[in-house]
Amino acid sequence: MNICDLRPDAEAVVMQAARLLVEGFCEHWPNAWPTLETALDEVHECLSEERICRIAVEGETVLGWIGGIPQYDGHVWELHPLVVHAVYRGRGIGRALVEDLEAQVAARGGLTIYLGTDDEDDMTSLGGVDLYDDLWGRIARIQNLKGHPYSFYSRLGYYIVGVVPDANGPGKPDICMAKRVQPLRLQSQGDPG
């Protein structure tokens, strides 16, 4: 397996990446990229110059891909999206893509990566409930009920830093997670810079 940049001129590879979005999100997040056209639009957005867009390939086959979007003047990057072909899941490809993105972000001077991982079909104990009733208590007691990806990100060192209740409709939150990718270096109050 090789991880490299997705190039806009590699049309067949771009098409594979778009198909992965449709197929990879259709079961639990069917409104994310419901058609090949919407998925192609997303891939093309991810290929813009300021973004990071990396693919895991073996031969001519795209096994998975990941994107990064700079925020906060490049101090923070959003991980968006991450998808691995269903046949190749559980083989470390997602982990390798996330670790590669972390290295890419750190090399660009980024400090933190954040992501949102939706719970649209009650895959966690945060789905299907009124989160405003004891929000932080519910976050502290989160349980993974049906293989939600937040556990994958937790194993990679990402922390839940918040939740957007009802982001995808009543009882369908977005779970916000983040990880620092460079050592913390605070400026002392007396240090001018």
C-alpha atoms as a PDB file:
ATOM      1  CA  MET A   1       0.000   0.000   0.000  1.00  0.00           C
ATOM      2  CA  ASN A   2       1.175   3.489  -0.859  1.00  0.00           C
ATOM      3  CA  ILE A   3      -0.209   6.803   0.434  1.00  0.00           C
ATOM      4  CA  CYS A   4       0.142   9.775  -1.886  1.00  0.00           C
ATOM      5  CA  ASP A   5      -1.586  12.955  -3.042  1.00  0.00           C
ATOM      6  CA  LEU A   6      -4.733  12.574  -5.105  1.00  0.00           C
ATOM      7  CA  ARG A   7      -4.028  14.408  -8.354  1.00  0.00           C
ATOM      8  CA  PRO A   8      -6.841  16.237 -10.162  1.00  0.00           C
ATOM      9  CA  ASP A   9      -5.588  15.004 -13.561  1.00  0.00           C
ATOM     10  CA  ALA A  10      -5.966  11.333 -12.528  1.00  0.00           C
ATOM     11  CA  GLU A  11      -9.595  11.100 -13.646  1.00  0.00           C
ATOM     12  CA  ALA A  12     -10.036   7.356 -13.054  1.00  0.00           C
ATOM     13  CA  VAL A  13      -8.646   7.701  -9.528  1.00  0.00           C
ATOM     14  CA  VAL A  14     -10.875  10.716  -8.822  1.00  0.00           C
ATOM     15  CA  MET A  15     -13.869   8.635  -9.952  1.00  0.00           C
ATOM     16  CA  GLN A  16     -12.850   5.776  -7.620  1.00  0.00           C
ATOM     17  CA  ALA A  17     -12.576   8.244  -4.731  1.00  0.00           C
ATOM     18  CA  ALA A  18     -16.071   9.567  -5.477  1.00  0.00           C
ATOM     19  CA  ARG A  19     -17.537   6.050  -5.627  1.00  0.00           C
ATOM     20  CA  LEU A  20     -15.964   5.299  -2.252  1.00  0.00           C
ATOM     21  CA  LEU A  21     -17.831   8.249  -0.717  1.00  0.00           C
ATOM     22  CA  VAL A  22     -21.189   7.079  -2.031  1.00  0.00           C
ATOM     23  CA  GLU A  23     -20.613   3.445  -1.045  1.00  0.00           C
ATOM     24  CA  GLY A  24     -18.869   4.142   2.254  1.00  0.00           C
ATOM     25  CA  PHE A  25     -21.485   6.494   3.666  1.00  0.00           C
ATOM     26  CA  CYS A  26     -24.730   5.080   2.237  1.00  0.00           C
ATOM     27  CA  GLU A  27     -25.653   2.827   5.171  1.00  0.00           C
ATOM     28  CA  HIS A  28     -25.307   5.129   8.181  1.00  0.00           C
ATOM     29  CA  TRP A  29     -25.048   8.580   6.540  1.00  0.00           C
ATOM     30  CA  PRO A  30     -27.166   8.297   3.373  1.00  0.00           C
ATOM     31  CA  ASN A  31     -27.570  12.044   2.925  1.00  0.00           C
ATOM     32  CA  ALA A  32     -23.823  12.767   2.970  1.00  0.00           C
ATOM     33  CA  TRP A  33     -23.138  11.922  -0.698  1.00  0.00           C
ATOM     34  CA  PRO A  34     -26.252  10.251  -2.082  1.00  0.00           C
ATOM     35  CA  THR A  35     -25.174  10.400  -5.738  1.00  0.00           C
ATOM     36  CA  LEU A  36     -21.982  10.062  -7.707  1.00  0.00           C
ATOM     37  CA  GLU A  37     -22.427  13.684  -8.818  1.00  0.00           C
ATOM     38  CA  THR A  38     -22.458  15.023  -5.233  1.00  0.00           C
ATOM     39  CA  ALA A  39     -19.497  12.821  -4.387  1.00  0.00           C
ATOM     40  CA  LEU A  40     -17.531  14.089  -7.399  1.00  0.00           C
ATOM     41  CA  ASP A  41     -18.254  17.660  -6.307  1.00  0.00           C
ATOM     42  CA  GLU A  42     -16.838  16.817  -2.865  1.00  0.00           C
ATOM     43  CA  VAL A  43     -13.697  15.236  -4.325  1.00  0.00           C
ATOM     44  CA  HIS A  44     -13.111  18.269  -6.549  1.00  0.00           C
ATOM     45  CA  GLU A  45     -13.531  20.590  -3.539  1.00  0.00           C
ATOM     46  CA  CYS A  46     -10.987  18.507  -1.643  1.00  0.00           C
ATOM     47  CA  LEU A  47      -8.528  18.943  -4.505  1.00  0.00           C
ATOM     48  CA  SER A  48      -8.350  22.724  -4.092  1.00  0.00           C
ATOM     49  CA  GLU A  49      -4.822  24.021  -3.596  1.00  0.00           C
ATOM     50  CA  GLU A  50      -5.048  24.949   0.093  1.00  0.00           C
ATOM     51  CA  ARG A  51      -6.410  21.548   1.128  1.00  0.00           C
ATOM     52  CA  ILE A  52      -4.798  18.178   1.740  1.00  0.00           C
ATOM     53  CA  CYS A  53      -6.171  15.218  -0.211  1.00  0.00           C
ATOM     54  CA  ARG A  54      -4.389  11.868   0.222  1.00  0.00           C
ATOM     55  CA  ILE A  55      -5.201   8.407  -1.084  1.00  0.00           C
ATOM     56  CA  ALA A  56      -4.176   4.903  -0.077  1.00  0.00           C
ATOM     57  CA  VAL A  57      -3.583   2.861  -3.215  1.00  0.00           C
ATOM     58  CA  GLU A  58      -2.485  -0.612  -4.109  1.00  0.00           C
ATOM     59  CA  GLY A  59      -1.740  -0.966  -7.781  1.00  0.00           C
ATOM     60  CA  GLU A  60      -4.582   0.791  -9.578  1.00  0.00           C
ATOM     61  CA  THR A  61      -7.058   0.391  -6.705  1.00  0.00           C
ATOM     62  CA  VAL A  62      -7.966   3.203  -4.314  1.00  0.00           C
ATOM     63  CA  LEU A  63      -8.320   1.544  -0.908  1.00  0.00           C
ATOM     64  CA  GLY A  64      -9.331   4.734   0.898  1.00  0.00           C
ATOM     65  CA  TRP A  65      -8.776   8.464   1.088  1.00  0.00           C
ATOM     66  CA  ILE A  66      -8.695  11.375   3.498  1.00  0.00           C
ATOM     67  CA  GLY A  67      -9.009  15.140   3.267  1.00  0.00           C
ATOM     68  CA  GLY A  68      -7.862  18.059   5.377  1.00  0.00           C
ATOM     69  CA  ILE A  69      -9.232  21.613   5.394  1.00  0.00           C
ATOM     70  CA  PRO A  70      -7.233  24.484   6.939  1.00  0.00           C
ATOM     71  CA  GLN A  71      -9.046  26.565   9.564  1.00  0.00           C
ATOM     72  CA  TYR A  72      -7.978  29.284  12.025  1.00  0.00           C
ATOM     73  CA  ASP A  73      -5.116  30.530   9.818  1.00  0.00           C
ATOM     74  CA  GLY A  74      -3.768  26.986   9.487  1.00  0.00           C
ATOM     75  CA  HIS A  75      -3.385  26.398  13.230  1.00  0.00           C
ATOM     76  CA  VAL A  76      -6.264  23.914  13.108  1.00  0.00           C
ATOM     77  CA  TRP A  77      -7.259  21.566  10.307  1.00  0.00           C
ATOM     78  CA  GLU A  78     -10.558  19.766   9.828  1.00  0.00           C
ATOM     79  CA  LEU A  79     -10.302  16.076   8.934  1.00  0.00           C
ATOM     80  CA  HIS A  80     -12.905  15.759   6.177  1.00  0.00           C
ATOM     81  CA  PRO A  81     -13.651  13.225   4.833  1.00  0.00           C
ATOM     82  CA  LEU A  82     -12.199   9.801   5.638  1.00  0.00           C
ATOM     83  CA  VAL A  83     -13.407   6.697   3.845  1.00  0.00           C
ATOM     84  CA  VAL A  84     -12.006   3.199   3.371  1.00  0.00           C
ATOM     85  CA  HIS A  85     -13.411   0.682   0.899  1.00  0.00           C
ATOM     86  CA  ALA A  86     -15.601  -1.807   2.803  1.00  0.00           C
ATOM     87  CA  VAL A  87     -13.576  -4.803   1.570  1.00  0.00           C
ATOM     88  CA  TYR A  88     -10.368  -3.364   3.045  1.00  0.00           C
ATOM     89  CA  ARG A  89     -11.644  -2.131   6.414  1.00  0.00           C
ATOM     90  CA  GLY A  90      -9.999  -3.459   9.563  1.00  0.00           C
ATOM     91  CA  ARG A  91      -6.570  -3.722   7.908  1.00  0.00           C
ATOM     92  CA  GLY A  92      -5.022  -0.516   9.251  1.00  0.00           C
ATOM     93  CA  ILE A  93      -5.704   1.609   6.173  1.00  0.00           C
ATOM     94  CA  GLY A  94      -7.833   4.165   8.014  1.00  0.00           C
ATOM     95  CA  ARG A  95      -5.210   4.423  10.757  1.00  0.00           C
ATOM     96  CA  ALA A  96      -2.450   4.886   8.173  1.00  0.00           C
ATOM     97  CA  LEU A  97      -4.422   7.617   6.397  1.00  0.00           C
ATOM     98  CA  VAL A  98      -5.122   9.482   9.650  1.00  0.00           C
ATOM     99  CA  GLU A  99      -1.479   9.233  10.740  1.00  0.00           C
ATOM    100  CA  ASP A 100      -0.384  10.474   7.316  1.00  0.00           C
ATOM    101  CA  LEU A 101      -2.776  13.439   7.562  1.00  0.00           C
ATOM    102  CA  GLU A 102      -1.422  14.236  11.027  1.00  0.00           C
ATOM    103  CA  ALA A 103       2.123  14.314   9.620  1.00  0.00           C
ATOM    104  CA  GLN A 104       1.018  16.473   6.672  1.00  0.00           C
ATOM    105  CA  VAL A 105      -0.728  18.951   8.984  1.00  0.00           C
ATOM    106  CA  ALA A 106       2.225  19.108  11.396  1.00  0.00           C
ATOM    107  CA  ALA A 107       4.612  19.721   8.473  1.00  0.00           C
ATOM    108  CA  ARG A 108       2.457  22.722   7.486  1.00  0.00           C
ATOM    109  CA  GLY A 109       2.660  24.130  11.013  1.00  0.00           C
ATOM    110  CA  GLY A 110      -0.790  22.968  12.100  1.00  0.00           C
ATOM    111  CA  LEU A 111      -1.309  22.333  15.799  1.00  0.00           C
ATOM    112  CA  THR A 112      -4.639  20.522  16.016  1.00  0.00           C
ATOM    113  CA  ILE A 113      -6.887  18.361  13.865  1.00  0.00           C
ATOM    114  CA  TYR A 114     -10.607  18.302  14.563  1.00  0.00           C
ATOM    115  CA  LEU A 115     -13.453  16.351  13.029  1.00  0.00           C
ATOM    116  CA  GLY A 116     -17.165  15.850  13.276  1.00  0.00           C
ATOM    117  CA  THR A 117     -18.565  12.340  13.291  1.00  0.00           C
ATOM    118  CA  ASP A 118     -22.340  12.274  12.995  1.00  0.00           C
ATOM    119  CA  ASP A 119     -24.695   9.918  14.804  1.00  0.00           C
ATOM    120  CA  GLU A 120     -27.700   9.855  12.502  1.00  0.00           C
ATOM    121  CA  ASP A 121     -29.049   6.415  13.417  1.00  0.00           C
ATOM    122  CA  ASP A 122     -28.530   5.972  17.162  1.00  0.00           C
ATOM    123  CA  MET A 123     -25.150   4.249  16.900  1.00  0.00           C
ATOM    124  CA  THR A 124     -24.109   5.819  20.224  1.00  0.00           C
ATOM    125  CA  SER A 125     -25.820   6.627  23.490  1.00  0.00           C
ATOM    126  CA  LEU A 126     -25.870  10.276  22.329  1.00  0.00           C
ATOM    127  CA  GLY A 127     -28.255   9.510  19.466  1.00  0.00           C
ATOM    128  CA  GLY A 128     -32.009   9.480  19.828  1.00  0.00           C
ATOM    129  CA  VAL A 129     -32.051  11.456  23.084  1.00  0.00           C
ATOM    130  CA  ASP A 130     -32.428  15.065  24.229  1.00  0.00           C
ATOM    131  CA  LEU A 131     -28.788  16.010  24.800  1.00  0.00           C
ATOM    132  CA  TYR A 132     -29.726  19.283  26.462  1.00  0.00           C
ATOM    133  CA  ASP A 133     -30.794  17.168  29.425  1.00  0.00           C
ATOM    134  CA  ASP A 134     -27.351  16.701  31.107  1.00  0.00           C
ATOM    135  CA  LEU A 135     -25.209  17.358  28.006  1.00  0.00           C
ATOM    136  CA  TRP A 136     -21.750  16.995  29.563  1.00  0.00           C
ATOM    137  CA  GLY A 137     -22.832  14.058  31.708  1.00  0.00           C
ATOM    138  CA  ARG A 138     -24.093  12.245  28.614  1.00  0.00           C
ATOM    139  CA  ILE A 139     -20.839  12.979  26.780  1.00  0.00           C
ATOM    140  CA  ALA A 140     -18.816  11.647  29.735  1.00  0.00           C
ATOM    141  CA  ARG A 141     -20.887   8.441  29.730  1.00  0.00           C
ATOM    142  CA  ILE A 142     -20.967   7.908  25.951  1.00  0.00           C
ATOM    143  CA  GLN A 143     -21.335   4.317  24.808  1.00  0.00           C
ATOM    144  CA  ASN A 144     -20.767   2.899  21.365  1.00  0.00           C
ATOM    145  CA  LEU A 145     -23.852   0.830  20.596  1.00  0.00           C
ATOM    146  CA  LYS A 146     -23.391  -0.108  16.927  1.00  0.00           C
ATOM    147  CA  GLY A 147     -19.778   0.376  15.800  1.00  0.00           C
ATOM    148  CA  HIS A 148     -19.772   4.176  15.517  1.00  0.00           C
ATOM    149  CA  PRO A 149     -16.452   5.605  14.231  1.00  0.00           C
ATOM    150  CA  TYR A 150     -15.854   7.768  17.325  1.00  0.00           C
ATOM    151  CA  SER A 151     -14.213   4.711  18.941  1.00  0.00           C
ATOM    152  CA  PHE A 152     -11.795   4.419  16.010  1.00  0.00           C
ATOM    153  CA  TYR A 153     -10.749   8.037  16.439  1.00  0.00           C
ATOM    154  CA  SER A 154     -10.478   7.616  20.223  1.00  0.00           C
ATOM    155  CA  ARG A 155      -8.010   4.759  19.709  1.00  0.00           C
ATOM    156  CA  LEU A 156      -5.923   7.144  17.592  1.00  0.00           C
ATOM    157  CA  GLY A 157      -5.749   9.732  20.379  1.00  0.00           C
ATOM    158  CA  TYR A 158      -8.697  11.958  19.481  1.00  0.00           C
ATOM    159  CA  TYR A 159     -10.825  13.345  22.303  1.00  0.00           C
ATOM    160  CA  ILE A 160     -14.474  14.307  22.290  1.00  0.00           C
ATOM    161  CA  VAL A 161     -14.381  18.088  22.687  1.00  0.00           C
ATOM    162  CA  GLY A 162     -18.083  18.716  22.264  1.00  0.00           C
ATOM    163  CA  VAL A 163     -21.297  17.743  20.580  1.00  0.00           C
ATOM    164  CA  VAL A 164     -23.651  19.668  18.320  1.00  0.00           C
ATOM    165  CA  PRO A 165     -27.088  18.442  19.426  1.00  0.00           C
ATOM    166  CA  ASP A 166     -29.651  17.943  16.662  1.00  0.00           C
ATOM    167  CA  ALA A 167     -27.094  18.792  13.942  1.00  0.00           C
ATOM    168  CA  ASN A 168     -28.717  16.327  11.558  1.00  0.00           C
ATOM    169  CA  GLY A 169     -32.262  16.572  12.913  1.00  0.00           C
ATOM    170  CA  PRO A 170     -33.886  15.875  16.286  1.00  0.00           C
ATOM    171  CA  GLY A 171     -31.755  13.447  18.304  1.00  0.00           C
ATOM    172  CA  LYS A 172     -29.079  13.235  15.585  1.00  0.00           C
ATOM    173  CA  PRO A 173     -25.935  14.900  16.943  1.00  0.00           C
ATOM    174  CA  ASP A 174     -22.534  15.612  15.479  1.00  0.00           C
ATOM    175  CA  ILE A 175     -19.770  14.415  17.808  1.00  0.00           C
ATOM    176  CA  CYS A 176     -16.807  16.811  17.692  1.00  0.00           C
ATOM    177  CA  MET A 177     -13.344  15.368  18.286  1.00  0.00           C
ATOM    178  CA  ALA A 178      -9.823  16.814  18.233  1.00  0.00           C
ATOM    179  CA  LYS A 179      -6.168  15.901  18.649  1.00  0.00           C
ATOM    180  CA  ARG A 180      -3.017  17.982  19.024  1.00  0.00           C
ATOM    181  CA  VAL A 181      -0.435  17.003  16.382  1.00  0.00           C
ATOM    182  CA  GLN A 182       2.516  19.050  17.643  1.00  0.00           C
ATOM    183  CA  PRO A 183       3.920  19.518  21.139  1.00  0.00           C
ATOM    184  CA  LEU A 184       2.356  22.391  23.052  1.00  0.00           C
ATOM    185  CA  ARG A 185       4.691  25.382  23.259  1.00  0.00           C
ATOM    186  CA  LEU A 186       3.075  28.203  25.196  1.00  0.00           C
ATOM    187  CA  GLN A 187       4.579  31.643  25.104  1.00  0.00           C
ATOM    188  CA  SER A 188       5.265  32.958  28.577  1.00  0.00           C
ATOM    189  CA  GLN A 189       3.570  36.231  29.493  1.00  0.00           C
ATOM    190  CA  GLY A 190       6.892  38.088  29.504  1.00  0.00           C
ATOM    191  CA  ASP A 191       7.968  36.668  26.134  1.00  0.00           C
ATOM    192  CA  PRO A 192       7.099  39.156  23.347  1.00  0.00           C
ATOM    193  CA  GLY A 193       6.966  36.461  20.733  1.00  0.00           C
END
